[in-house]
Amino acid sequence: MKFFIVAFLACTATADAKFFKKCPEVQTKANFDLSKYLGRWYEVEKYPNWFESGSCNGADYKLAKNGYVAVNNSEVLDSGKLNFAIGEARQNPSSNVASNLQVRFSKWQPWGQYLVLDTDYESYTVVYSCTNLLVARMEFLWVMSRQRTLSAETHQEIYDLLGKYNIDTSALEKANQDPQLCAVLP
């Protein structure tokens, strides 16, 4: 029993945990085209989490030889050091929806949910993950762009989409994409 309590506390400390609320039902991007999605994305906003602590956060997605997607997440730490998280993504094998993906950063790690709620492939993407736990839900949310900024109009459209699914935008944290600080990354 102690193990389950410790595991539960660890999980709720790693993401935006909401107690006594179930994950919302969401629809992911229809007719998702992975080939258009590949490339560089810059983080604009996210739910706070334990595994991203720097600035200039971004992700590079490339098709791997095994058919998966090679994931290279990057950031600049406060010390100025570059930090990378190398992983892989795939379509969720239990789903026939192309925008229902999974990601992991170690072959010993279980696959995590990566739902592309929406993207236009050229300027923005909205990625969401939600897991129901015993008395809480654990959520991750990223708003990313092909540029380090997002237009006010697109930003509002994203917030409208999230509002439609009752996904809280008040907890979103704006990313630091300062051009001088971020010049060390692509």
C-alpha atoms as a PDB file:
ATOM      1  CA  MET A   1       0.000   0.000   0.000  1.00  0.00           C
ATOM      2  CA  LYS A   2       2.847   2.400   0.786  1.00  0.00           C
ATOM      3  CA  PHE A   3       4.199   1.838  -2.722  1.00  0.00           C
ATOM      4  CA  PHE A   4       0.908   2.971  -4.287  1.00  0.00           C
ATOM      5  CA  ILE A   5       0.750   6.093  -2.136  1.00  0.00           C
ATOM      6  CA  VAL A   6       4.341   7.028  -3.006  1.00  0.00           C
ATOM      7  CA  ALA A   7       3.729   6.301  -6.707  1.00  0.00           C
ATOM      8  CA  PHE A   8       0.556   8.384  -6.670  1.00  0.00           C
ATOM      9  CA  LEU A   9       2.294  11.320  -4.994  1.00  0.00           C
ATOM     10  CA  ALA A  10       5.195  11.101  -7.426  1.00  0.00           C
ATOM     11  CA  CYS A  11       2.847  11.134 -10.411  1.00  0.00           C
ATOM     12  CA  THR A  12       0.826  14.088  -9.190  1.00  0.00           C
ATOM     13  CA  ALA A  13       3.991  16.067  -8.496  1.00  0.00           C
ATOM     14  CA  THR A  14       5.228  15.661 -12.068  1.00  0.00           C
ATOM     15  CA  ALA A  15       2.412  17.348 -13.946  1.00  0.00           C
ATOM     16  CA  ASP A  16      -0.567  19.583 -13.520  1.00  0.00           C
ATOM     17  CA  ALA A  17      -2.678  17.319 -11.310  1.00  0.00           C
ATOM     18  CA  LYS A  18      -6.391  18.021 -10.861  1.00  0.00           C
ATOM     19  CA  PHE A  19      -8.074  16.270  -7.965  1.00  0.00           C
ATOM     20  CA  PHE A  20     -11.543  14.721  -8.230  1.00  0.00           C
ATOM     21  CA  LYS A  21     -11.842  15.552 -11.939  1.00  0.00           C
ATOM     22  CA  LYS A  22     -11.672  13.104 -14.817  1.00  0.00           C
ATOM     23  CA  CYS A  23      -9.865  13.786 -18.073  1.00  0.00           C
ATOM     24  CA  PRO A  24     -12.000  15.613 -20.621  1.00  0.00           C
ATOM     25  CA  GLU A  25     -13.070  13.848 -23.787  1.00  0.00           C
ATOM     26  CA  VAL A  26     -11.160  15.427 -26.646  1.00  0.00           C
ATOM     27  CA  GLN A  27     -10.983  15.002 -30.386  1.00  0.00           C
ATOM     28  CA  THR A  28      -7.595  14.969 -32.036  1.00  0.00           C
ATOM     29  CA  LYS A  29      -6.615  16.414 -35.408  1.00  0.00           C
ATOM     30  CA  ALA A  30      -8.592  14.799 -38.222  1.00  0.00           C
ATOM     31  CA  ASN A  31      -6.655  13.541 -41.246  1.00  0.00           C
ATOM     32  CA  PHE A  32      -3.349  14.047 -39.432  1.00  0.00           C
ATOM     33  CA  ASP A  33      -0.339  14.012 -41.794  1.00  0.00           C
ATOM     34  CA  LEU A  34       2.801  13.000 -39.900  1.00  0.00           C
ATOM     35  CA  SER A  35       5.106  13.954 -42.790  1.00  0.00           C
ATOM     36  CA  LYS A  36       3.900  17.585 -42.605  1.00  0.00           C
ATOM     37  CA  TYR A  37       4.274  17.554 -38.805  1.00  0.00           C
ATOM     38  CA  LEU A  38       7.957  16.609 -38.814  1.00  0.00           C
ATOM     39  CA  GLY A  39      10.589  19.288 -38.285  1.00  0.00           C
ATOM     40  CA  ARG A  40      11.330  21.948 -35.676  1.00  0.00           C
ATOM     41  CA  TRP A  41       8.730  23.208 -33.181  1.00  0.00           C
ATOM     42  CA  TYR A  42       9.292  25.930 -30.555  1.00  0.00           C
ATOM     43  CA  GLU A  43       7.505  25.862 -27.220  1.00  0.00           C
ATOM     44  CA  VAL A  44       5.266  28.898 -26.705  1.00  0.00           C
ATOM     45  CA  GLU A  45       3.397  27.771 -23.575  1.00  0.00           C
ATOM     46  CA  LYS A  46       3.121  24.660 -21.428  1.00  0.00           C
ATOM     47  CA  TYR A  47       1.736  23.301 -18.210  1.00  0.00           C
ATOM     48  CA  PRO A  48       4.612  23.395 -15.702  1.00  0.00           C
ATOM     49  CA  ASN A  49       6.372  20.046 -15.330  1.00  0.00           C
ATOM     50  CA  TRP A  50       9.462  18.614 -13.648  1.00  0.00           C
ATOM     51  CA  PHE A  51      11.355  17.593 -16.793  1.00  0.00           C
ATOM     52  CA  GLU A  52      11.596  21.002 -18.486  1.00  0.00           C
ATOM     53  CA  SER A  53      13.364  23.656 -16.457  1.00  0.00           C
ATOM     54  CA  GLY A  54      15.199  25.777 -18.995  1.00  0.00           C
ATOM     55  CA  SER A  55      14.499  28.342 -21.680  1.00  0.00           C
ATOM     56  CA  CYS A  56      14.377  28.211 -25.473  1.00  0.00           C
ATOM     57  CA  ASN A  57      12.570  24.862 -25.363  1.00  0.00           C
ATOM     58  CA  GLY A  58      12.028  23.182 -28.689  1.00  0.00           C
ATOM     59  CA  ALA A  59      11.492  19.829 -30.322  1.00  0.00           C
ATOM     60  CA  ASP A  60      12.813  18.310 -33.526  1.00  0.00           C
ATOM     61  CA  TYR A  61      10.875  15.438 -35.069  1.00  0.00           C
ATOM     62  CA  LYS A  62      12.393  13.261 -37.824  1.00  0.00           C
ATOM     63  CA  LEU A  63      11.276   9.985 -39.331  1.00  0.00           C
ATOM     64  CA  ALA A  64      13.466   7.118 -38.060  1.00  0.00           C
ATOM     65  CA  LYS A  65      14.450   4.017 -40.027  1.00  0.00           C
ATOM     66  CA  ASN A  66      12.197   1.804 -37.869  1.00  0.00           C
ATOM     67  CA  GLY A  67       9.124   3.878 -38.825  1.00  0.00           C
ATOM     68  CA  TYR A  68       8.965   5.646 -35.484  1.00  0.00           C
ATOM     69  CA  VAL A  69       9.662   9.358 -35.052  1.00  0.00           C
ATOM     70  CA  ALA A  70      13.023  10.380 -33.589  1.00  0.00           C
ATOM     71  CA  VAL A  71      12.431  13.068 -30.945  1.00  0.00           C
ATOM     72  CA  ASN A  72      15.109  15.569 -29.898  1.00  0.00           C
ATOM     73  CA  ASN A  73      13.899  18.014 -27.243  1.00  0.00           C
ATOM     74  CA  SER A  74      16.277  20.843 -26.410  1.00  0.00           C
ATOM     75  CA  GLU A  75      16.557  23.680 -23.910  1.00  0.00           C
ATOM     76  CA  VAL A  76      19.059  26.159 -22.476  1.00  0.00           C
ATOM     77  CA  LEU A  77      19.492  25.730 -18.721  1.00  0.00           C
ATOM     78  CA  ASP A  78      19.936  28.706 -16.368  1.00  0.00           C
ATOM     79  CA  SER A  79      23.674  27.901 -16.271  1.00  0.00           C
ATOM     80  CA  GLY A  80      23.828  28.430 -20.053  1.00  0.00           C
ATOM     81  CA  LYS A  81      24.405  24.718 -20.649  1.00  0.00           C
ATOM     82  CA  LEU A  82      22.446  22.999 -23.416  1.00  0.00           C
ATOM     83  CA  ASN A  83      20.216  20.127 -22.362  1.00  0.00           C
ATOM     84  CA  PHE A  84      18.739  17.493 -24.676  1.00  0.00           C
ATOM     85  CA  ALA A  85      16.171  14.722 -24.195  1.00  0.00           C
ATOM     86  CA  ILE A  86      16.322  12.113 -26.941  1.00  0.00           C
ATOM     87  CA  GLY A  87      13.290   9.916 -27.416  1.00  0.00           C
ATOM     88  CA  GLU A  88      10.952   8.324 -29.882  1.00  0.00           C
ATOM     89  CA  ALA A  89       7.298   8.603 -30.826  1.00  0.00           C
ATOM     90  CA  ARG A  90       4.859   6.327 -32.604  1.00  0.00           C
ATOM     91  CA  GLN A  91       1.187   6.073 -33.425  1.00  0.00           C
ATOM     92  CA  ASN A  92      -0.692   4.547 -30.509  1.00  0.00           C
ATOM     93  CA  PRO A  93      -1.002   0.860 -31.498  1.00  0.00           C
ATOM     94  CA  SER A  94      -4.401   0.605 -29.785  1.00  0.00           C
ATOM     95  CA  SER A  95      -5.840   3.420 -31.920  1.00  0.00           C
ATOM     96  CA  ASN A  96      -6.469   3.853 -35.631  1.00  0.00           C
ATOM     97  CA  VAL A  97      -6.405   7.649 -35.274  1.00  0.00           C
ATOM     98  CA  ALA A  98      -3.148   9.010 -36.741  1.00  0.00           C
ATOM     99  CA  SER A  99      -3.026  12.011 -34.357  1.00  0.00           C
ATOM    100  CA  ASN A 100      -3.181   9.736 -31.290  1.00  0.00           C
ATOM    101  CA  LEU A 101       0.538   9.260 -30.667  1.00  0.00           C
ATOM    102  CA  GLN A 102       2.766   7.989 -27.885  1.00  0.00           C
ATOM    103  CA  VAL A 103       6.218   9.151 -26.802  1.00  0.00           C
ATOM    104  CA  ARG A 104       8.992   7.897 -24.524  1.00  0.00           C
ATOM    105  CA  PHE A 105      12.540   8.900 -23.663  1.00  0.00           C
ATOM    106  CA  SER A 106      13.936   5.522 -22.595  1.00  0.00           C
ATOM    107  CA  LYS A 107      13.286   2.003 -23.827  1.00  0.00           C
ATOM    108  CA  TRP A 108      12.537   1.089 -20.189  1.00  0.00           C
ATOM    109  CA  GLN A 109       9.963   3.868 -19.835  1.00  0.00           C
ATOM    110  CA  PRO A 110       6.316   3.147 -20.602  1.00  0.00           C
ATOM    111  CA  TRP A 111       4.876   4.950 -23.604  1.00  0.00           C
ATOM    112  CA  GLY A 112       3.198   8.257 -22.703  1.00  0.00           C
ATOM    113  CA  GLN A 113       0.210   9.797 -24.415  1.00  0.00           C
ATOM    114  CA  TYR A 114       0.851  12.505 -27.069  1.00  0.00           C
ATOM    115  CA  LEU A 115      -2.426  13.762 -28.529  1.00  0.00           C
ATOM    116  CA  VAL A 116      -2.236  16.313 -31.335  1.00  0.00           C
ATOM    117  CA  LEU A 117      -5.432  18.267 -30.685  1.00  0.00           C
ATOM    118  CA  ASP A 118      -4.830  20.579 -33.613  1.00  0.00           C
ATOM    119  CA  THR A 119      -2.148  21.823 -35.973  1.00  0.00           C
ATOM    120  CA  ASP A 120      -1.945  23.689 -39.255  1.00  0.00           C
ATOM    121  CA  TYR A 121       1.557  22.184 -39.766  1.00  0.00           C
ATOM    122  CA  GLU A 122       2.987  25.594 -40.722  1.00  0.00           C
ATOM    123  CA  SER A 123       2.551  27.768 -37.646  1.00  0.00           C
ATOM    124  CA  TYR A 124       1.133  25.991 -34.572  1.00  0.00           C
ATOM    125  CA  THR A 125       0.387  22.720 -32.816  1.00  0.00           C
ATOM    126  CA  VAL A 126      -1.456  21.912 -29.593  1.00  0.00           C
ATOM    127  CA  VAL A 127      -0.332  18.732 -27.796  1.00  0.00           C
ATOM    128  CA  TYR A 128      -2.223  17.301 -24.826  1.00  0.00           C
ATOM    129  CA  SER A 129      -1.922  14.337 -22.501  1.00  0.00           C
ATOM    130  CA  CYS A 130      -4.243  13.374 -19.680  1.00  0.00           C
ATOM    131  CA  THR A 131      -4.267  10.291 -17.464  1.00  0.00           C
ATOM    132  CA  ASN A 132      -6.932   9.449 -14.898  1.00  0.00           C
ATOM    133  CA  LEU A 133      -5.470   8.324 -11.569  1.00  0.00           C
ATOM    134  CA  LEU A 134      -7.324   7.132  -8.467  1.00  0.00           C
ATOM    135  CA  VAL A 135      -8.657  10.509  -7.305  1.00  0.00           C
ATOM    136  CA  ALA A 136      -6.942  12.890  -9.705  1.00  0.00           C
ATOM    137  CA  ARG A 137      -5.966  13.413 -13.297  1.00  0.00           C
ATOM    138  CA  MET A 138      -2.454  14.150 -14.508  1.00  0.00           C
ATOM    139  CA  GLU A 139      -2.206  16.558 -17.439  1.00  0.00           C
ATOM    140  CA  PHE A 140       0.460  17.829 -19.770  1.00  0.00           C
ATOM    141  CA  LEU A 141      -0.179  20.543 -22.346  1.00  0.00           C
ATOM    142  CA  TRP A 142       2.060  22.238 -24.889  1.00  0.00           C
ATOM    143  CA  VAL A 143       1.366  25.020 -27.358  1.00  0.00           C
ATOM    144  CA  MET A 144       4.133  25.102 -29.960  1.00  0.00           C
ATOM    145  CA  SER A 145       4.926  27.072 -33.068  1.00  0.00           C
ATOM    146  CA  ARG A 146       7.248  26.876 -36.076  1.00  0.00           C
ATOM    147  CA  GLN A 147       8.521  30.312 -34.984  1.00  0.00           C
ATOM    148  CA  ARG A 148       9.485  31.429 -31.474  1.00  0.00           C
ATOM    149  CA  THR A 149       6.257  33.454 -31.254  1.00  0.00           C
ATOM    150  CA  LEU A 150       2.615  33.012 -32.167  1.00  0.00           C
ATOM    151  CA  SER A 151       0.212  35.586 -33.616  1.00  0.00           C
ATOM    152  CA  ALA A 152      -2.421  36.951 -31.224  1.00  0.00           C
ATOM    153  CA  GLU A 153      -5.167  35.647 -33.528  1.00  0.00           C
ATOM    154  CA  THR A 154      -3.783  32.092 -33.587  1.00  0.00           C
ATOM    155  CA  HIS A 155      -3.192  32.230 -29.842  1.00  0.00           C
ATOM    156  CA  GLN A 156      -6.859  33.123 -29.265  1.00  0.00           C
ATOM    157  CA  GLU A 157      -8.025  30.347 -31.597  1.00  0.00           C
ATOM    158  CA  ILE A 158      -5.979  27.857 -29.565  1.00  0.00           C
ATOM    159  CA  TYR A 159      -7.461  29.117 -26.299  1.00  0.00           C
ATOM    160  CA  ASP A 160     -10.952  28.821 -27.816  1.00  0.00           C
ATOM    161  CA  LEU A 161     -10.209  25.205 -28.791  1.00  0.00           C
ATOM    162  CA  LEU A 162      -8.945  24.384 -25.296  1.00  0.00           C
ATOM    163  CA  GLY A 163     -11.988  26.075 -23.761  1.00  0.00           C
ATOM    164  CA  LYS A 164     -14.249  23.882 -25.899  1.00  0.00           C
ATOM    165  CA  TYR A 165     -12.756  20.846 -24.126  1.00  0.00           C
ATOM    166  CA  ASN A 166     -12.736  22.513 -20.682  1.00  0.00           C
ATOM    167  CA  ILE A 167      -8.936  22.407 -20.605  1.00  0.00           C
ATOM    168  CA  ASP A 168      -7.731  25.067 -18.181  1.00  0.00           C
ATOM    169  CA  THR A 169      -5.511  27.717 -19.793  1.00  0.00           C
ATOM    170  CA  SER A 170      -4.863  29.653 -16.571  1.00  0.00           C
ATOM    171  CA  ALA A 171      -2.085  27.223 -15.567  1.00  0.00           C
ATOM    172  CA  LEU A 172      -0.174  27.680 -18.838  1.00  0.00           C
ATOM    173  CA  GLU A 173       3.327  29.045 -18.415  1.00  0.00           C
ATOM    174  CA  LYS A 174       4.822  31.232 -21.153  1.00  0.00           C
ATOM    175  CA  ALA A 175       8.120  29.964 -22.552  1.00  0.00           C
ATOM    176  CA  ASN A 176      11.211  32.167 -22.618  1.00  0.00           C
ATOM    177  CA  GLN A 177      12.238  32.329 -26.267  1.00  0.00           C
ATOM    178  CA  ASP A 178      14.535  35.372 -25.936  1.00  0.00           C
ATOM    179  CA  PRO A 179      16.429  35.626 -29.266  1.00  0.00           C
ATOM    180  CA  GLN A 180      19.798  36.429 -27.638  1.00  0.00           C
ATOM    181  CA  LEU A 181      19.587  33.572 -25.151  1.00  0.00           C
ATOM    182  CA  CYS A 182      18.257  31.157 -27.761  1.00  0.00           C
ATOM    183  CA  ALA A 183      20.862  31.945 -30.433  1.00  0.00           C
ATOM    184  CA  VAL A 184      22.853  28.837 -29.386  1.00  0.00           C
ATOM    185  CA  LEU A 185      20.017  26.586 -30.623  1.00  0.00           C
ATOM    186  CA  PRO A 186      18.548  26.266 -34.129  1.00  0.00           C
END
